């Protein structure tokens, strides 16, 4: 799934000059959508009128994960098609998804942190 997301252009809503996002569990989640239909369902779920226009940019998934997220403050992941229960996906800020330098499961020495708190 990560490889497919990296190769896919997604729509990212823009609000106030920045990407629309929400914070949950200490992680900032950038909203991204695979096309205009899931974005429209999300807008409707948030109370937007059917004819209300939303500003968005098209970004390649790899650019979002490797170029944009490392420039942001704090741990950041991507929430894809969140208004669609069966099609939504979450890409958390962990090694193998985002660069190790911003992954929450990699320590400052570059060692992966395991569930028991130890290194690789």
N, C-alpha and C. Protein backbone atom coordinates (compact mmCIF):
# COMPACT_ATOMS: atom_id res chain seq x y z
N UNK A 1 0.81 -1.19 0.00
CA UNK A 1 0.00 0.00 0.00
C UNK A 1 0.86 1.27 0.00
N UNK A 2 1.96 1.24 0.74
CA UNK A 2 2.81 2.42 0.80
C UNK A 2 3.39 2.73 -0.58
N UNK A 3 3.86 1.71 -1.28
CA UNK A 3 4.42 1.92 -2.62
C UNK A 3 3.39 2.49 -3.57
N UNK A 4 2.18 1.99 -3.53
CA UNK A 4 1.11 2.50 -4.39
C UNK A 4 0.80 3.95 -4.04
N UNK A 5 0.74 4.26 -2.75
CA UNK A 5 0.48 5.64 -2.34
C UNK A 5 1.59 6.58 -2.83
N UNK A 6 2.82 6.13 -2.74
CA UNK A 6 3.95 6.96 -3.19
C UNK A 6 3.83 7.31 -4.68
N UNK A 7 3.30 6.40 -5.47
CA UNK A 7 3.18 6.61 -6.92
C UNK A 7 1.89 7.33 -7.33
N UNK A 8 1.03 7.61 -6.38
CA UNK A 8 -0.29 8.18 -6.67
C UNK A 8 -0.32 9.68 -6.39
N UNK A 9 -0.94 10.42 -7.30
CA UNK A 9 -1.19 11.84 -7.06
C UNK A 9 -2.48 11.94 -6.25
N UNK A 10 -2.42 12.65 -5.14
CA UNK A 10 -3.59 12.81 -4.27
C UNK A 10 -3.98 14.28 -4.18
N UNK A 11 -5.22 14.52 -3.81
CA UNK A 11 -5.74 15.87 -3.62
C UNK A 11 -5.66 16.21 -2.14
N UNK A 12 -5.03 17.34 -1.83
CA UNK A 12 -4.87 17.76 -0.45
C UNK A 12 -5.56 19.11 -0.29
N UNK A 13 -6.63 19.17 0.53
CA UNK A 13 -7.32 20.45 0.73
C UNK A 13 -6.40 21.48 1.39
N UNK A 14 -6.57 22.73 0.97
CA UNK A 14 -5.78 23.83 1.49
C UNK A 14 -6.71 24.80 2.21
N UNK A 15 -6.33 25.16 3.43
CA UNK A 15 -7.10 26.11 4.24
C UNK A 15 -6.13 27.10 4.86
N UNK A 16 -6.39 28.38 4.67
CA UNK A 16 -5.54 29.40 5.28
C UNK A 16 -4.09 29.31 4.85
N UNK A 17 -3.84 28.86 3.64
CA UNK A 17 -2.48 28.78 3.13
C UNK A 17 -1.72 27.53 3.51
N UNK A 18 -2.35 26.63 4.26
CA UNK A 18 -1.69 25.38 4.66
C UNK A 18 -2.57 24.18 4.37
N UNK A 19 -1.99 23.01 4.48
CA UNK A 19 -2.75 21.79 4.25
C UNK A 19 -3.76 21.57 5.37
N UNK A 20 -4.97 21.16 5.01
CA UNK A 20 -5.98 20.84 6.02
C UNK A 20 -5.52 19.59 6.76
N UNK A 21 -5.59 19.67 8.08
CA UNK A 21 -5.16 18.55 8.90
C UNK A 21 -5.90 18.57 10.22
N UNK A 22 -5.73 17.51 10.97
CA UNK A 22 -6.29 17.41 12.32
C UNK A 22 -5.25 16.73 13.19
N UNK A 23 -5.32 16.99 14.48
CA UNK A 23 -4.42 16.32 15.40
C UNK A 23 -5.19 15.25 16.16
N UNK A 24 -4.59 14.09 16.25
CA UNK A 24 -5.18 12.99 17.00
C UNK A 24 -4.04 12.14 17.56
N UNK A 25 -4.10 11.87 18.85
CA UNK A 25 -3.09 11.03 19.48
C UNK A 25 -1.69 11.60 19.42
N UNK A 26 -1.57 12.94 19.42
CA UNK A 26 -0.27 13.57 19.38
C UNK A 26 0.36 13.60 17.99
N UNK A 27 -0.40 13.21 16.98
CA UNK A 27 0.09 13.21 15.60
C UNK A 27 -0.79 14.12 14.76
N UNK A 28 -0.17 14.91 13.94
CA UNK A 28 -0.88 15.73 12.97
C UNK A 28 -1.16 14.84 11.76
N UNK A 29 -2.41 14.81 11.30
CA UNK A 29 -2.81 14.00 10.15
C UNK A 29 -3.23 14.92 9.02
N UNK A 30 -2.50 14.89 7.93
CA UNK A 30 -2.85 15.67 6.74
C UNK A 30 -3.91 14.88 5.98
N UNK A 31 -5.00 15.56 5.62
CA UNK A 31 -6.05 14.92 4.83
C UNK A 31 -5.64 14.86 3.37
N UNK A 32 -5.81 13.70 2.74
CA UNK A 32 -5.53 13.53 1.31
C UNK A 32 -6.63 12.66 0.71
N UNK A 33 -6.90 12.86 -0.58
CA UNK A 33 -8.00 12.16 -1.22
C UNK A 33 -7.56 11.65 -2.59
N UNK A 34 -8.04 10.47 -2.95
CA UNK A 34 -7.62 9.83 -4.19
C UNK A 34 -8.26 10.46 -5.42
N UNK A 35 -9.38 11.14 -5.26
CA UNK A 35 -9.97 11.92 -6.35
C UNK A 35 -11.04 12.85 -5.77
N UNK A 36 -11.75 13.54 -6.65
CA UNK A 36 -12.71 14.55 -6.19
C UNK A 36 -13.93 13.97 -5.49
N UNK A 37 -14.34 12.76 -5.82
CA UNK A 37 -15.53 12.17 -5.19
C UNK A 37 -15.34 11.96 -3.68
N UNK A 38 -14.25 11.33 -3.22
CA UNK A 38 -14.08 11.20 -1.77
C UNK A 38 -13.85 12.55 -1.08
N UNK A 39 -13.22 13.49 -1.79
CA UNK A 39 -13.06 14.84 -1.23
C UNK A 39 -14.43 15.49 -1.04
N UNK A 40 -15.33 15.33 -2.01
CA UNK A 40 -16.68 15.89 -1.91
C UNK A 40 -17.45 15.25 -0.76
N UNK A 41 -17.31 13.94 -0.56
CA UNK A 41 -17.99 13.27 0.57
C UNK A 41 -17.46 13.79 1.90
N UNK A 42 -16.16 14.02 1.97
CA UNK A 42 -15.55 14.59 3.18
C UNK A 42 -16.10 15.99 3.43
N UNK A 43 -16.15 16.82 2.39
CA UNK A 43 -16.66 18.18 2.53
C UNK A 43 -18.10 18.16 3.00
N UNK A 44 -18.91 17.28 2.43
CA UNK A 44 -20.31 17.17 2.84
C UNK A 44 -20.42 16.72 4.30
N UNK A 45 -19.59 15.76 4.70
CA UNK A 45 -19.61 15.28 6.09
C UNK A 45 -19.23 16.38 7.07
N UNK A 46 -18.46 17.35 6.60
CA UNK A 46 -18.05 18.49 7.44
C UNK A 46 -19.04 19.64 7.36
N UNK A 47 -20.17 19.43 6.67
CA UNK A 47 -21.23 20.43 6.64
C UNK A 47 -21.16 21.42 5.50
N UNK A 48 -20.31 21.19 4.51
CA UNK A 48 -20.23 22.11 3.37
C UNK A 48 -21.44 21.92 2.46
N UNK A 49 -21.86 23.02 1.84
CA UNK A 49 -22.95 22.96 0.87
C UNK A 49 -22.46 22.21 -0.37
N UNK A 50 -23.36 21.50 -1.07
CA UNK A 50 -22.95 20.73 -2.24
C UNK A 50 -22.23 21.55 -3.32
N UNK A 51 -22.55 22.82 -3.45
CA UNK A 51 -21.93 23.65 -4.48
C UNK A 51 -20.76 24.49 -3.96
N UNK A 52 -20.40 24.29 -2.71
CA UNK A 52 -19.28 25.05 -2.12
C UNK A 52 -17.95 24.51 -2.65
N UNK A 53 -17.12 25.39 -3.18
CA UNK A 53 -15.82 24.98 -3.73
C UNK A 53 -14.79 24.88 -2.61
N UNK A 54 -13.96 23.86 -2.71
CA UNK A 54 -12.85 23.68 -1.78
C UNK A 54 -11.56 23.84 -2.57
N UNK A 55 -10.62 24.59 -2.02
CA UNK A 55 -9.31 24.72 -2.65
C UNK A 55 -8.49 23.48 -2.29
N UNK A 56 -7.78 22.95 -3.28
CA UNK A 56 -6.90 21.81 -3.03
C UNK A 56 -5.72 21.87 -3.99
N UNK A 57 -4.67 21.15 -3.62
CA UNK A 57 -3.52 20.98 -4.50
C UNK A 57 -3.37 19.49 -4.79
N UNK A 58 -2.76 19.19 -5.93
CA UNK A 58 -2.46 17.81 -6.27
C UNK A 58 -0.99 17.56 -5.97
N UNK A 59 -0.74 16.53 -5.18
CA UNK A 59 0.62 16.23 -4.72
C UNK A 59 0.87 14.74 -4.90
N UNK A 60 2.03 14.39 -5.40
CA UNK A 60 2.43 13.00 -5.47
C UNK A 60 2.66 12.48 -4.05
N UNK A 61 2.16 11.29 -3.75
CA UNK A 61 2.30 10.73 -2.40
C UNK A 61 3.74 10.74 -1.90
N UNK A 62 4.69 10.39 -2.77
CA UNK A 62 6.10 10.38 -2.37
C UNK A 62 6.56 11.77 -1.95
N UNK A 63 6.12 12.79 -2.66
CA UNK A 63 6.49 14.17 -2.32
C UNK A 63 5.92 14.56 -0.96
N UNK A 64 4.70 14.14 -0.69
CA UNK A 64 4.07 14.43 0.59
C UNK A 64 4.84 13.76 1.73
N UNK A 65 5.15 12.48 1.57
CA UNK A 65 5.83 11.72 2.63
C UNK A 65 7.29 12.12 2.80
N UNK A 66 8.01 12.29 1.69
CA UNK A 66 9.46 12.49 1.76
C UNK A 66 9.90 13.95 1.76
N UNK A 67 9.10 14.83 1.18
CA UNK A 67 9.51 16.23 1.06
C UNK A 67 8.77 17.19 1.95
N UNK A 68 7.46 16.99 2.08
CA UNK A 68 6.65 17.95 2.83
C UNK A 68 6.61 17.63 4.32
N UNK A 69 6.33 16.40 4.66
CA UNK A 69 6.23 16.03 6.08
C UNK A 69 7.51 16.33 6.85
N UNK A 70 8.70 16.07 6.32
CA UNK A 70 9.91 16.41 7.08
C UNK A 70 10.07 17.91 7.36
N UNK A 71 9.40 18.76 6.60
CA UNK A 71 9.49 20.21 6.80
C UNK A 71 8.53 20.73 7.87
N UNK A 72 7.63 19.89 8.34
CA UNK A 72 6.61 20.30 9.31
C UNK A 72 7.09 20.06 10.73
N UNK A 73 6.53 20.82 11.66
CA UNK A 73 6.87 20.63 13.07
C UNK A 73 6.05 19.49 13.66
N UNK A 74 6.71 18.61 14.35
CA UNK A 74 6.04 17.53 15.05
C UNK A 74 5.71 16.35 14.16
N UNK A 75 5.36 15.23 14.78
CA UNK A 75 5.04 14.03 14.01
C UNK A 75 3.80 14.23 13.15
N UNK A 76 3.91 13.85 11.87
CA UNK A 76 2.83 14.06 10.91
C UNK A 76 2.67 12.83 10.04
N UNK A 77 1.41 12.41 9.87
CA UNK A 77 1.08 11.31 8.98
C UNK A 77 0.05 11.77 7.96
N UNK A 78 -0.44 10.84 7.17
CA UNK A 78 -1.42 11.15 6.13
C UNK A 78 -2.65 10.28 6.33
N UNK A 79 -3.82 10.91 6.31
CA UNK A 79 -5.11 10.22 6.38
C UNK A 79 -5.75 10.33 5.00
N UNK A 80 -5.97 9.19 4.35
CA UNK A 80 -6.46 9.17 2.97
C UNK A 80 -7.93 8.74 2.94
N UNK A 81 -8.74 9.50 2.21
CA UNK A 81 -10.16 9.20 1.99
C UNK A 81 -10.89 8.89 3.30
N UNK A 82 -10.72 9.76 4.29
CA UNK A 82 -11.25 9.50 5.62
C UNK A 82 -12.76 9.48 5.73
N UNK A 83 -13.48 9.99 4.75
CA UNK A 83 -14.94 9.95 4.79
C UNK A 83 -15.49 8.62 4.28
N UNK A 84 -14.63 7.76 3.77
CA UNK A 84 -15.04 6.48 3.21
C UNK A 84 -14.60 5.35 4.13
N UNK A 85 -15.54 4.81 4.89
CA UNK A 85 -15.20 3.77 5.87
C UNK A 85 -14.42 2.60 5.27
N UNK A 86 -14.83 2.14 4.10
CA UNK A 86 -14.20 0.96 3.50
C UNK A 86 -12.91 1.25 2.74
N UNK A 87 -12.68 2.51 2.40
CA UNK A 87 -11.52 2.83 1.56
C UNK A 87 -10.48 3.70 2.26
N UNK A 88 -10.72 4.09 3.49
CA UNK A 88 -9.78 4.98 4.15
C UNK A 88 -8.49 4.25 4.51
N UNK A 89 -7.40 5.01 4.51
CA UNK A 89 -6.08 4.46 4.84
C UNK A 89 -5.34 5.49 5.69
N UNK A 90 -4.51 5.01 6.58
CA UNK A 90 -3.68 5.89 7.40
C UNK A 90 -2.22 5.52 7.18
N UNK A 91 -1.41 6.54 6.95
CA UNK A 91 0.02 6.35 6.80
C UNK A 91 0.70 7.10 7.94
N UNK A 92 1.00 6.39 9.04
CA UNK A 92 1.57 7.05 10.22
C UNK A 92 3.03 7.43 10.01
N UNK A 93 3.53 8.32 10.85
CA UNK A 93 4.92 8.76 10.72
C UNK A 93 5.90 7.76 11.34
N UNK A 94 6.05 6.62 10.69
CA UNK A 94 6.96 5.57 11.17
C UNK A 94 7.96 5.22 10.08
N UNK A 95 9.03 4.56 10.49
CA UNK A 95 10.07 4.12 9.54
C UNK A 95 9.44 3.27 8.45
N UNK A 96 9.89 3.48 7.23
CA UNK A 96 9.36 2.76 6.10
C UNK A 96 8.24 3.50 5.40
N UNK A 97 7.71 4.52 6.07
CA UNK A 97 6.68 5.36 5.46
C UNK A 97 7.22 6.77 5.28
N UNK A 98 7.73 7.36 6.35
CA UNK A 98 8.36 8.68 6.28
C UNK A 98 9.86 8.50 6.50
N UNK A 99 10.67 9.51 6.18
CA UNK A 99 12.11 9.39 6.44
C UNK A 99 12.40 9.12 7.92
N UNK A 100 13.42 8.33 8.18
CA UNK A 100 13.77 7.98 9.56
C UNK A 100 13.96 9.20 10.44
N UNK A 101 14.44 10.30 9.90
CA UNK A 101 14.69 11.51 10.69
C UNK A 101 13.43 12.07 11.34
N UNK A 102 12.25 11.77 10.78
CA UNK A 102 11.00 12.28 11.35
C UNK A 102 10.06 11.16 11.80
N UNK A 103 10.54 9.92 11.77
CA UNK A 103 9.73 8.78 12.19
C UNK A 103 9.68 8.72 13.71
N UNK A 104 8.50 8.46 14.26
CA UNK A 104 8.34 8.41 15.71
C UNK A 104 8.89 7.14 16.32
N UNK A 105 9.21 6.14 15.48
CA UNK A 105 9.72 4.88 16.00
C UNK A 105 11.22 4.69 15.74
N UNK A 106 11.93 5.81 15.54
CA UNK A 106 13.38 5.79 15.35
C UNK A 106 13.99 6.78 16.33
N UNK A 107 15.00 6.31 17.10
CA UNK A 107 15.62 7.22 18.07
C UNK A 107 16.65 8.12 17.40
N UNK A 108 17.23 9.02 18.17
CA UNK A 108 18.17 10.00 17.61
C UNK A 108 19.45 9.37 17.06
N UNK A 109 19.73 8.11 17.42
CA UNK A 109 20.89 7.40 16.89
C UNK A 109 20.55 6.61 15.62
N UNK A 110 19.29 6.70 15.18
CA UNK A 110 18.87 5.99 13.98
C UNK A 110 18.42 4.56 14.22
N UNK A 111 18.26 4.19 15.49
CA UNK A 111 17.81 2.83 15.82
C UNK A 111 16.30 2.78 15.92
N UNK A 112 15.73 1.74 15.36
CA UNK A 112 14.28 1.58 15.41
C UNK A 112 13.87 1.18 16.82
N UNK A 113 12.86 1.83 17.34
CA UNK A 113 12.34 1.55 18.67
C UNK A 113 11.29 0.46 18.55
N UNK A 114 11.43 -0.61 19.30
CA UNK A 114 10.48 -1.72 19.24
C UNK A 114 9.39 -1.51 20.28
N UNK A 115 8.36 -2.35 20.21
CA UNK A 115 7.22 -2.25 21.12
C UNK A 115 7.64 -2.39 22.59
N UNK A 116 8.72 -3.12 22.84
CA UNK A 116 9.16 -3.29 24.23
C UNK A 116 10.12 -2.19 24.67
N UNK A 117 10.32 -1.19 23.78
CA UNK A 117 11.17 -0.05 24.13
C UNK A 117 12.62 -0.21 23.75
N UNK A 118 13.00 -1.37 23.25
CA UNK A 118 14.39 -1.61 22.87
C UNK A 118 14.67 -1.19 21.43
N UNK A 119 15.93 -1.33 21.04
CA UNK A 119 16.35 -1.00 19.68
C UNK A 119 16.17 -2.17 18.75
N UNK A 120 16.71 -1.99 17.54
CA UNK A 120 16.59 -3.04 16.52
C UNK A 120 17.23 -4.32 16.94
